[in-house]
Amino acid sequence: MDDSPIVPVPAPWKLKGTVYIVTFYNKAGKLPAHSYSPLERDSTYASPATSGEHQGGLSQFQVIRYTESPVGPYDELIVCPGSFSYEVEEGGRRKKKKATRISRIYVSQKYTCWNGRTNWNIPKHLARFEWDELSDGATRVRVYPHDTTGDPSEPRPSDVPFFQAAFKPMQWAPSFPFSASWMNTLGIDTSLVQPPLPAGQGSQGELPGTDRWCKIPFDQTTKRASLAWADLSQKNEKGELVSSVTYDNFWPDLGRWKLAIKLEDTVIDFGEGTYWDAPRTQL
């Protein structure tokens, strides 16, 4: 454990790394219990009445190996189950909107955990990431969270993985450029909108809470995107479920194999957030 103190590093952040993305469609209101970490699950963060109803739509898992960031290298698992509704106050009236939201996320060091929560309301928790290069050319990752042991101080990783996947590049498939911002040209806003976070009892002081909403401009850009197959099986070679999640392929209604995108030498931008208080008007 690194004993160096946590230092605030405000936005914007520019990071570099390798990104693995699995995209799927999620039905509105269909959120399994493991969509949230225990801390957020038991707070208003996960409350439809307070933080908006799940709208579903295009959803993603992302696994990222950051080689450069303002707080040093780290690994990350993102669970983004589509869009959620939220409300803002405009002209003295409430207006309902919807946007993509990260519901659960793990990182491998405390500095990005603390800063991600305070800068952008990203509900980061610590985890140990285990990487293996397999004989068939695939890259496997297993994620062992600190927040699934039942200890609210989250002092150490669980012995049981929360998530595992293997990503195998498609042979002979050419690489191509990619930018998440291209979606904006299609009228799809790629910004994230995150509700306020509850504070936790993290043993490293890495779980601060927040009290305002936040909208975050976000982009991923690379000249080296390629197609891959993602094996989402949560079983071992004997066919035994090894994950703490009860679904064979991590998420309801997902098959074992999903088309994925691997982004190499990727530049990731997290901009300055726009913050606001929850609407107070009754109209």
C-alpha atoms as a PDB file:
ATOM      1  CA  MET A   1       0.000   0.000   0.000  1.00  0.00           C
ATOM      2  CA  ASP A   2       1.356   3.435  -0.947  1.00  0.00           C
ATOM      3  CA  ASP A   3       1.432   5.681   2.139  1.00  0.00           C
ATOM      4  CA  SER A   4       1.854   8.919   0.171  1.00  0.00           C
ATOM      5  CA  PRO A   5      -0.970  11.365   0.966  1.00  0.00           C
ATOM      6  CA  ILE A   6      -3.794  11.919  -1.482  1.00  0.00           C
ATOM      7  CA  VAL A   7      -3.428  15.263  -3.260  1.00  0.00           C
ATOM      8  CA  PRO A   8      -6.290  17.000  -5.096  1.00  0.00           C
ATOM      9  CA  VAL A   9      -5.718  17.072  -8.870  1.00  0.00           C
ATOM     10  CA  PRO A  10      -8.553  19.102 -10.426  1.00  0.00           C
ATOM     11  CA  ALA A  11      -9.908  18.670 -13.953  1.00  0.00           C
ATOM     12  CA  PRO A  12      -9.239  18.666 -16.814  1.00  0.00           C
ATOM     13  CA  TRP A  13      -7.358  15.375 -17.074  1.00  0.00           C
ATOM     14  CA  LYS A  14      -5.614  13.968 -20.131  1.00  0.00           C
ATOM     15  CA  LEU A  15      -4.728  10.281 -19.928  1.00  0.00           C
ATOM     16  CA  LYS A  16      -3.234   7.645 -22.211  1.00  0.00           C
ATOM     17  CA  GLY A  17      -3.700   3.899 -22.301  1.00  0.00           C
ATOM     18  CA  THR A  18      -5.260   0.785 -23.808  1.00  0.00           C
ATOM     19  CA  VAL A  19      -9.054   0.464 -23.749  1.00  0.00           C
ATOM     20  CA  TYR A  20     -11.219  -2.646 -24.194  1.00  0.00           C
ATOM     21  CA  ILE A  21     -14.897  -1.868 -24.898  1.00  0.00           C
ATOM     22  CA  VAL A  22     -17.899  -4.210 -24.944  1.00  0.00           C
ATOM     23  CA  THR A  23     -21.131  -2.552 -26.105  1.00  0.00           C
ATOM     24  CA  PHE A  24     -24.615  -4.016 -25.650  1.00  0.00           C
ATOM     25  CA  TYR A  25     -28.263  -2.951 -25.416  1.00  0.00           C
ATOM     26  CA  ASN A  26     -29.916  -2.791 -22.017  1.00  0.00           C
ATOM     27  CA  LYS A  27     -33.681  -2.553 -21.487  1.00  0.00           C
ATOM     28  CA  ALA A  28     -35.031   0.337 -19.420  1.00  0.00           C
ATOM     29  CA  GLY A  29     -35.407  -0.498 -15.752  1.00  0.00           C
ATOM     30  CA  LYS A  30     -33.547  -3.783 -16.122  1.00  0.00           C
ATOM     31  CA  LEU A  31     -30.696  -3.326 -13.669  1.00  0.00           C
ATOM     32  CA  PRO A  32     -29.276  -6.350 -11.841  1.00  0.00           C
ATOM     33  CA  ALA A  33     -28.289  -6.041  -8.179  1.00  0.00           C
ATOM     34  CA  HIS A  34     -24.588  -5.746  -9.019  1.00  0.00           C
ATOM     35  CA  SER A  35     -25.106  -2.588 -11.093  1.00  0.00           C
ATOM     36  CA  TYR A  36     -23.986  -0.594  -8.037  1.00  0.00           C
ATOM     37  CA  SER A  37     -21.317  -0.962  -5.400  1.00  0.00           C
ATOM     38  CA  PRO A  38     -22.771  -1.566  -1.910  1.00  0.00           C
ATOM     39  CA  LEU A  39     -22.069   2.006  -0.732  1.00  0.00           C
ATOM     40  CA  GLU A  40     -23.916   3.628  -3.638  1.00  0.00           C
ATOM     41  CA  ARG A  41     -26.597   0.927  -3.786  1.00  0.00           C
ATOM     42  CA  ASP A  42     -27.712   1.793  -0.243  1.00  0.00           C
ATOM     43  CA  SER A  43     -27.804   5.547  -0.869  1.00  0.00           C
ATOM     44  CA  THR A  44     -29.791   8.078  -2.893  1.00  0.00           C
ATOM     45  CA  TYR A  45     -27.265   7.576  -5.713  1.00  0.00           C
ATOM     46  CA  ALA A  46     -29.199   4.471  -6.761  1.00  0.00           C
ATOM     47  CA  SER A  47     -32.659   5.842  -5.918  1.00  0.00           C
ATOM     48  CA  PRO A  48     -34.873   6.387  -9.000  1.00  0.00           C
ATOM     49  CA  ALA A  49     -36.898   8.953  -7.039  1.00  0.00           C
ATOM     50  CA  THR A  50     -33.851  11.046  -6.159  1.00  0.00           C
ATOM     51  CA  SER A  51     -31.320  10.349  -8.909  1.00  0.00           C
ATOM     52  CA  GLY A  52     -33.530   9.499 -11.875  1.00  0.00           C
ATOM     53  CA  GLU A  53     -34.951   6.398 -13.489  1.00  0.00           C
ATOM     54  CA  HIS A  54     -32.927   4.029 -15.621  1.00  0.00           C
ATOM     55  CA  GLN A  55     -33.715   4.588 -19.308  1.00  0.00           C
ATOM     56  CA  GLY A  56     -31.483   1.855 -20.735  1.00  0.00           C
ATOM     57  CA  GLY A  57     -30.210   1.932 -24.300  1.00  0.00           C
ATOM     58  CA  LEU A  58     -26.629   1.497 -25.472  1.00  0.00           C
ATOM     59  CA  SER A  59     -24.524   0.247 -22.585  1.00  0.00           C
ATOM     60  CA  GLN A  60     -20.870  -0.644 -22.087  1.00  0.00           C
ATOM     61  CA  PHE A  61     -18.265  -2.373 -20.044  1.00  0.00           C
ATOM     62  CA  GLN A  62     -14.832  -0.840 -20.382  1.00  0.00           C
ATOM     63  CA  VAL A  63     -11.541  -2.172 -19.076  1.00  0.00           C
ATOM     64  CA  ILE A  64      -8.718   0.348 -19.282  1.00  0.00           C
ATOM     65  CA  ARG A  65      -4.978   0.174 -18.583  1.00  0.00           C
ATOM     66  CA  TYR A  66      -3.844   3.766 -18.140  1.00  0.00           C
ATOM     67  CA  THR A  67      -0.128   4.145 -18.786  1.00  0.00           C
ATOM     68  CA  GLU A  68      -0.177   7.898 -18.166  1.00  0.00           C
ATOM     69  CA  SER A  69      -2.441  10.071 -16.012  1.00  0.00           C
ATOM     70  CA  PRO A  70      -2.096  13.094 -13.699  1.00  0.00           C
ATOM     71  CA  VAL A  71      -1.928  10.622 -10.777  1.00  0.00           C
ATOM     72  CA  GLY A  72       0.206   7.923 -12.419  1.00  0.00           C
ATOM     73  CA  PRO A  73      -0.618   4.584 -14.085  1.00  0.00           C
ATOM     74  CA  TYR A  74      -3.653   2.585 -12.996  1.00  0.00           C
ATOM     75  CA  ASP A  75      -6.252   0.047 -14.172  1.00  0.00           C
ATOM     76  CA  GLU A  76     -10.005   0.578 -14.366  1.00  0.00           C
ATOM     77  CA  LEU A  77     -13.263  -1.336 -14.885  1.00  0.00           C
ATOM     78  CA  ILE A  78     -16.327   0.710 -15.873  1.00  0.00           C
ATOM     79  CA  VAL A  79     -19.935  -0.496 -15.778  1.00  0.00           C
ATOM     80  CA  CYS A  80     -22.170   1.868 -17.743  1.00  0.00           C
ATOM     81  CA  PRO A  81     -25.691   0.397 -18.124  1.00  0.00           C
ATOM     82  CA  GLY A  82     -27.087   3.064 -20.446  1.00  0.00           C
ATOM     83  CA  SER A  83     -28.888   6.333 -19.808  1.00  0.00           C
ATOM     84  CA  PHE A  84     -30.725   7.668 -16.769  1.00  0.00           C
ATOM     85  CA  SER A  85     -33.196  10.505 -16.439  1.00  0.00           C
ATOM     86  CA  TYR A  86     -32.342  13.576 -14.400  1.00  0.00           C
ATOM     87  CA  GLU A  87     -33.858  16.979 -13.742  1.00  0.00           C
ATOM     88  CA  VAL A  88     -32.517  20.517 -14.003  1.00  0.00           C
ATOM     89  CA  GLU A  89     -34.059  23.857 -13.198  1.00  0.00           C
ATOM     90  CA  GLU A  90     -34.489  26.161 -16.195  1.00  0.00           C
ATOM     91  CA  GLY A  91     -36.479  29.383 -16.114  1.00  0.00           C
ATOM     92  CA  GLY A  92     -37.935  28.543 -12.721  1.00  0.00           C
ATOM     93  CA  ARG A  93     -39.276  25.190 -13.890  1.00  0.00           C
ATOM     94  CA  ARG A  94     -38.045  21.628 -13.704  1.00  0.00           C
ATOM     95  CA  LYS A  95     -36.957  20.095 -16.987  1.00  0.00           C
ATOM     96  CA  LYS A  96     -36.376  16.370 -17.398  1.00  0.00           C
ATOM     97  CA  LYS A  97     -33.415  15.163 -19.475  1.00  0.00           C
ATOM     98  CA  LYS A  98     -31.442  11.958 -19.859  1.00  0.00           C
ATOM     99  CA  ALA A  99     -27.760  11.114 -20.154  1.00  0.00           C
ATOM    100  CA  THR A 100     -25.289   8.267 -19.870  1.00  0.00           C
ATOM    101  CA  ARG A 101     -24.173   7.372 -16.343  1.00  0.00           C
ATOM    102  CA  ILE A 102     -21.472   5.214 -14.798  1.00  0.00           C
ATOM    103  CA  SER A 103     -23.151   3.122 -12.108  1.00  0.00           C
ATOM    104  CA  ARG A 104     -20.176   1.088 -10.870  1.00  0.00           C
ATOM    105  CA  ILE A 105     -16.417   1.459 -11.366  1.00  0.00           C
ATOM    106  CA  TYR A 106     -13.184   0.039  -9.943  1.00  0.00           C
ATOM    107  CA  VAL A 107      -9.655   1.423 -10.004  1.00  0.00           C
ATOM    108  CA  SER A 108      -6.311   0.086  -8.805  1.00  0.00           C
ATOM    109  CA  GLN A 109      -5.039   3.034  -6.757  1.00  0.00           C
ATOM    110  CA  LYS A 110      -6.369   5.500  -4.195  1.00  0.00           C
ATOM    111  CA  TYR A 111      -5.319   8.738  -5.919  1.00  0.00           C
ATOM    112  CA  THR A 112      -7.611   8.334  -8.908  1.00  0.00           C
ATOM    113  CA  CYS A 113     -10.307   6.933  -6.604  1.00  0.00           C
ATOM    114  CA  TRP A 114     -10.424  10.074  -4.459  1.00  0.00           C
ATOM    115  CA  ASN A 115     -10.030  12.528  -7.338  1.00  0.00           C
ATOM    116  CA  GLY A 116     -12.550  10.756  -9.565  1.00  0.00           C
ATOM    117  CA  ARG A 117     -15.167  11.014  -6.838  1.00  0.00           C
ATOM    118  CA  THR A 118     -14.492  14.661  -5.952  1.00  0.00           C
ATOM    119  CA  ASN A 119     -13.907  15.998  -9.486  1.00  0.00           C
ATOM    120  CA  TRP A 120     -16.780  14.307 -11.323  1.00  0.00           C
ATOM    121  CA  ASN A 121     -18.991  12.218  -8.960  1.00  0.00           C
ATOM    122  CA  ILE A 122     -17.560   9.040 -10.494  1.00  0.00           C
ATOM    123  CA  PRO A 123     -18.350   6.279  -7.916  1.00  0.00           C
ATOM    124  CA  LYS A 124     -14.870   4.759  -7.852  1.00  0.00           C
ATOM    125  CA  HIS A 125     -13.807   2.034  -5.442  1.00  0.00           C
ATOM    126  CA  LEU A 126     -10.531   0.164  -5.136  1.00  0.00           C
ATOM    127  CA  ALA A 127      -9.830  -3.258  -6.620  1.00  0.00           C
ATOM    128  CA  ARG A 128      -6.918  -5.499  -7.489  1.00  0.00           C
ATOM    129  CA  PHE A 129      -6.539  -6.220 -11.200  1.00  0.00           C
ATOM    130  CA  GLU A 130      -4.982  -9.478 -12.366  1.00  0.00           C
ATOM    131  CA  TRP A 131      -3.782  -9.667 -15.992  1.00  0.00           C
ATOM    132  CA  ASP A 132      -2.714 -12.750 -17.962  1.00  0.00           C
ATOM    133  CA  GLU A 133      -1.543 -13.216 -21.532  1.00  0.00           C
ATOM    134  CA  LEU A 134      -3.048 -16.529 -22.691  1.00  0.00           C
ATOM    135  CA  SER A 135      -1.520 -19.037 -25.111  1.00  0.00           C
ATOM    136  CA  ASP A 136      -4.171 -18.321 -27.783  1.00  0.00           C
ATOM    137  CA  GLY A 137      -3.202 -14.635 -27.928  1.00  0.00           C
ATOM    138  CA  ALA A 138      -6.019 -13.408 -25.707  1.00  0.00           C
ATOM    139  CA  THR A 139      -5.576 -11.013 -22.781  1.00  0.00           C
ATOM    140  CA  ARG A 140      -7.495 -11.968 -19.642  1.00  0.00           C
ATOM    141  CA  VAL A 141      -8.368  -9.686 -16.758  1.00  0.00           C
ATOM    142  CA  ARG A 142      -9.857 -10.479 -13.361  1.00  0.00           C
ATOM    143  CA  VAL A 143     -11.042  -7.778 -10.960  1.00  0.00           C
ATOM    144  CA  TYR A 144     -11.029  -8.306  -7.173  1.00  0.00           C
ATOM    145  CA  PRO A 145     -12.910  -5.462  -5.408  1.00  0.00           C
ATOM    146  CA  HIS A 146     -12.275  -4.095  -1.938  1.00  0.00           C
ATOM    147  CA  ASP A 147     -15.987  -3.443  -1.375  1.00  0.00           C
ATOM    148  CA  THR A 148     -17.414  -6.967  -1.650  1.00  0.00           C
ATOM    149  CA  THR A 149     -15.877  -8.433   1.532  1.00  0.00           C
ATOM    150  CA  GLY A 150     -18.539  -7.021   3.874  1.00  0.00           C
ATOM    151  CA  ASP A 151     -16.062  -4.680   5.623  1.00  0.00           C
ATOM    152  CA  PRO A 152     -17.235  -1.068   5.097  1.00  0.00           C
ATOM    153  CA  SER A 153     -13.672   0.252   5.465  1.00  0.00           C
ATOM    154  CA  GLU A 154     -12.720  -1.692   2.284  1.00  0.00           C
ATOM    155  CA  PRO A 155      -9.149  -2.385   3.499  1.00  0.00           C
ATOM    156  CA  ARG A 156      -8.242  -5.260   1.163  1.00  0.00           C
ATOM    157  CA  PRO A 157      -9.383  -6.986  -2.043  1.00  0.00           C
ATOM    158  CA  SER A 158     -11.778  -9.897  -2.018  1.00  0.00           C
ATOM    159  CA  ASP A 159     -10.511 -13.389  -2.767  1.00  0.00           C
ATOM    160  CA  VAL A 160     -13.399 -13.775  -5.235  1.00  0.00           C
ATOM    161  CA  PRO A 161     -13.401 -11.832  -8.528  1.00  0.00           C
ATOM    162  CA  PHE A 162     -16.333  -9.583  -9.369  1.00  0.00           C
ATOM    163  CA  PHE A 163     -15.598  -9.658 -13.107  1.00  0.00           C
ATOM    164  CA  GLN A 164     -13.464 -11.596 -15.534  1.00  0.00           C
ATOM    165  CA  ALA A 165     -13.109 -11.415 -19.307  1.00  0.00           C
ATOM    166  CA  ALA A 166     -10.686 -12.432 -22.037  1.00  0.00           C
ATOM    167  CA  PHE A 167     -10.158 -10.261 -25.116  1.00  0.00           C
ATOM    168  CA  LYS A 168      -8.832 -11.928 -28.266  1.00  0.00           C
ATOM    169  CA  PRO A 169      -7.910  -9.745 -31.277  1.00  0.00           C
ATOM    170  CA  MET A 170      -9.365 -10.706 -34.648  1.00  0.00           C
ATOM    171  CA  GLN A 171      -6.543 -11.860 -36.905  1.00  0.00           C
ATOM    172  CA  TRP A 172      -6.135 -10.060 -40.226  1.00  0.00           C
ATOM    173  CA  ALA A 173      -8.649  -7.363 -39.281  1.00  0.00           C
ATOM    174  CA  PRO A 174      -7.124  -3.954 -40.132  1.00  0.00           C
ATOM    175  CA  SER A 175      -6.824  -1.207 -37.547  1.00  0.00           C
ATOM    176  CA  PHE A 176      -8.795   2.015 -37.963  1.00  0.00           C
ATOM    177  CA  PRO A 177      -9.117   5.463 -36.318  1.00  0.00           C
ATOM    178  CA  PHE A 178     -11.720   5.988 -33.610  1.00  0.00           C
ATOM    179  CA  SER A 179     -13.067   8.904 -31.605  1.00  0.00           C
ATOM    180  CA  ALA A 180     -15.983   8.840 -29.168  1.00  0.00           C
ATOM    181  CA  SER A 181     -16.681  12.470 -30.092  1.00  0.00           C
ATOM    182  CA  TRP A 182     -17.878  11.318 -33.523  1.00  0.00           C
ATOM    183  CA  MET A 183     -21.128  10.389 -31.802  1.00  0.00           C
ATOM    184  CA  ASN A 184     -21.749  14.083 -31.189  1.00  0.00           C
ATOM    185  CA  THR A 185     -21.973  14.663 -34.951  1.00  0.00           C
ATOM    186  CA  LEU A 186     -24.870  12.186 -34.979  1.00  0.00           C
ATOM    187  CA  GLY A 187     -26.664  14.178 -32.318  1.00  0.00           C
ATOM    188  CA  ILE A 188     -25.689  11.795 -29.517  1.00  0.00           C
ATOM    189  CA  ASP A 189     -24.262  13.610 -26.485  1.00  0.00           C
ATOM    190  CA  THR A 190     -21.365  11.556 -25.073  1.00  0.00           C
ATOM    191  CA  SER A 191     -21.210  13.563 -21.838  1.00  0.00           C
ATOM    192  CA  LEU A 192     -21.755  11.773 -18.539  1.00  0.00           C
ATOM    193  CA  VAL A 193     -24.175  13.099 -15.910  1.00  0.00           C
ATOM    194  CA  GLN A 194     -23.519  11.864 -12.364  1.00  0.00           C
ATOM    195  CA  PRO A 195     -25.612  12.315  -9.184  1.00  0.00           C
ATOM    196  CA  PRO A 196     -24.035  13.283  -5.846  1.00  0.00           C
ATOM    197  CA  LEU A 197     -22.080  10.549  -4.085  1.00  0.00           C
ATOM    198  CA  PRO A 198     -22.333   9.217  -0.534  1.00  0.00           C
ATOM    199  CA  ALA A 199     -19.198   9.293   1.607  1.00  0.00           C
ATOM    200  CA  GLY A 200     -17.655   5.975   2.609  1.00  0.00           C
ATOM    201  CA  GLN A 201     -15.402   4.718   5.378  1.00  0.00           C
ATOM    202  CA  GLY A 202     -12.462   3.858   3.140  1.00  0.00           C
ATOM    203  CA  SER A 203      -9.390   2.799   5.103  1.00  0.00           C
ATOM    204  CA  GLN A 204      -7.201   4.999   2.901  1.00  0.00           C
ATOM    205  CA  GLY A 205      -9.511   8.021   2.959  1.00  0.00           C
ATOM    206  CA  GLU A 206     -10.334   7.359  -0.681  1.00  0.00           C
ATOM    207  CA  LEU A 207     -14.155   7.524  -0.504  1.00  0.00           C
ATOM    208  CA  PRO A 208     -15.261  11.166  -0.177  1.00  0.00           C
ATOM    209  CA  GLY A 209     -18.854  12.133  -0.826  1.00  0.00           C
ATOM    210  CA  THR A 210     -20.227  15.031  -2.888  1.00  0.00           C
ATOM    211  CA  ASP A 211     -23.395  17.136  -2.751  1.00  0.00           C
ATOM    212  CA  ARG A 212     -23.969  18.500  -6.274  1.00  0.00           C
ATOM    213  CA  TRP A 213     -24.770  17.019  -9.671  1.00  0.00           C
ATOM    214  CA  CYS A 214     -22.031  16.975 -12.314  1.00  0.00           C
ATOM    215  CA  LYS A 215     -21.945  16.824 -16.129  1.00  0.00           C
ATOM    216  CA  ILE A 216     -18.632  15.721 -17.637  1.00  0.00           C
ATOM    217  CA  PRO A 217     -17.363  16.158 -21.206  1.00  0.00           C
ATOM    218  CA  PHE A 218     -15.512  13.007 -22.212  1.00  0.00           C
ATOM    219  CA  ASP A 219     -13.600  11.695 -25.226  1.00  0.00           C
ATOM    220  CA  GLN A 220     -11.446   8.750 -26.307  1.00  0.00           C
ATOM    221  CA  THR A 221      -9.342   9.077 -29.453  1.00  0.00           C
ATOM    222  CA  THR A 222      -6.923   6.729 -31.191  1.00  0.00           C
ATOM    223  CA  LYS A 223      -5.471   5.919 -34.597  1.00  0.00           C
ATOM    224  CA  ARG A 224      -5.169   2.233 -33.622  1.00  0.00           C
ATOM    225  CA  ALA A 225      -8.600   0.734 -32.998  1.00  0.00           C
ATOM    226  CA  SER A 226      -9.178  -2.931 -33.829  1.00  0.00           C
ATOM    227  CA  LEU A 227     -11.901  -5.546 -33.477  1.00  0.00           C
ATOM    228  CA  ALA A 228     -11.715  -8.330 -30.917  1.00  0.00           C
ATOM    229  CA  TRP A 229     -13.827 -11.054 -29.361  1.00  0.00           C
ATOM    230  CA  ALA A 230     -14.681 -10.740 -25.665  1.00  0.00           C
ATOM    231  CA  ASP A 231     -15.236 -13.929 -23.697  1.00  0.00           C
ATOM    232  CA  LEU A 232     -17.497 -12.856 -20.813  1.00  0.00           C
ATOM    233  CA  SER A 233     -17.823 -16.261 -19.146  1.00  0.00           C
ATOM    234  CA  GLN A 234     -17.593 -16.037 -15.372  1.00  0.00           C
ATOM    235  CA  LYS A 235     -16.749 -19.741 -15.117  1.00  0.00           C
ATOM    236  CA  ASN A 236     -13.457 -21.582 -14.826  1.00  0.00           C
ATOM    237  CA  GLU A 237     -12.164 -24.418 -17.000  1.00  0.00           C
ATOM    238  CA  LYS A 238     -14.283 -26.892 -15.004  1.00  0.00           C
ATOM    239  CA  GLY A 239     -17.466 -24.959 -15.733  1.00  0.00           C
ATOM    240  CA  GLU A 240     -17.753 -23.673 -12.167  1.00  0.00           C
ATOM    241  CA  LEU A 241     -18.908 -20.114 -11.540  1.00  0.00           C
ATOM    242  CA  VAL A 242     -15.966 -18.232 -10.002  1.00  0.00           C
ATOM    243  CA  SER A 243     -17.333 -14.676  -9.961  1.00  0.00           C
ATOM    244  CA  SER A 244     -19.334 -13.136  -7.118  1.00  0.00           C
ATOM    245  CA  VAL A 245     -21.933 -12.239  -9.774  1.00  0.00           C
ATOM    246  CA  THR A 246     -24.659 -14.861 -10.273  1.00  0.00           C
ATOM    247  CA  TYR A 247     -24.908 -14.495 -14.068  1.00  0.00           C
ATOM    248  CA  ASP A 248     -22.885 -16.858 -16.260  1.00  0.00           C
ATOM    249  CA  ASN A 249     -21.815 -14.024 -18.576  1.00  0.00           C
ATOM    250  CA  PHE A 250     -21.800 -11.203 -15.993  1.00  0.00           C
ATOM    251  CA  TRP A 251     -24.999  -9.443 -17.159  1.00  0.00           C
ATOM    252  CA  PRO A 252     -28.586 -10.630 -17.726  1.00  0.00           C
ATOM    253  CA  ASP A 253     -29.355 -11.928 -21.225  1.00  0.00           C
ATOM    254  CA  LEU A 254     -25.778 -11.616 -22.496  1.00  0.00           C
ATOM    255  CA  GLY A 255     -24.168 -14.483 -24.385  1.00  0.00           C
ATOM    256  CA  ARG A 256     -20.663 -15.666 -23.680  1.00  0.00           C
ATOM    257  CA  TRP A 257     -19.068 -14.068 -26.737  1.00  0.00           C
ATOM    258  CA  LYS A 258     -19.442 -10.393 -27.631  1.00  0.00           C
ATOM    259  CA  LEU A 259     -17.823  -8.260 -30.279  1.00  0.00           C
ATOM    260  CA  ALA A 260     -15.393  -5.814 -28.676  1.00  0.00           C
ATOM    261  CA  ILE A 261     -13.145  -2.952 -29.695  1.00  0.00           C
ATOM    262  CA  LYS A 262      -9.550  -2.601 -28.549  1.00  0.00           C
ATOM    263  CA  LEU A 263      -8.162   0.940 -28.568  1.00  0.00           C
ATOM    264  CA  GLU A 264      -4.365   1.170 -28.382  1.00  0.00           C
ATOM    265  CA  ASP A 265      -2.326   4.319 -27.759  1.00  0.00           C
ATOM    266  CA  THR A 266      -5.570   6.024 -26.786  1.00  0.00           C
ATOM    267  CA  VAL A 267      -5.838   9.593 -25.551  1.00  0.00           C
ATOM    268  CA  ILE A 268      -8.635   9.962 -22.983  1.00  0.00           C
ATOM    269  CA  ASP A 269      -9.910  13.401 -22.005  1.00  0.00           C
ATOM    270  CA  PHE A 270     -11.991  14.142 -18.910  1.00  0.00           C
ATOM    271  CA  GLY A 271     -12.941  17.806 -18.990  1.00  0.00           C
ATOM    272  CA  GLU A 272     -13.995  20.192 -16.261  1.00  0.00           C
ATOM    273  CA  GLY A 273     -17.390  19.334 -14.873  1.00  0.00           C
ATOM    274  CA  THR A 274     -20.477  21.526 -14.859  1.00  0.00           C
ATOM    275  CA  TYR A 275     -22.078  21.432 -11.402  1.00  0.00           C
ATOM    276  CA  TRP A 276     -25.563  22.246 -10.110  1.00  0.00           C
ATOM    277  CA  ASP A 277     -27.790  21.677  -7.112  1.00  0.00           C
ATOM    278  CA  ALA A 278     -30.830  19.453  -7.264  1.00  0.00           C
ATOM    279  CA  PRO A 279     -33.895  21.448  -8.429  1.00  0.00           C
ATOM    280  CA  ARG A 280     -35.907  23.011  -5.621  1.00  0.00           C
ATOM    281  CA  THR A 281     -38.967  24.112  -7.580  1.00  0.00           C
ATOM    282  CA  GLN A 282     -42.121  22.021  -7.424  1.00  0.00           C
ATOM    283  CA  LEU A 283     -43.211  22.728 -11.023  1.00  0.00           C
END
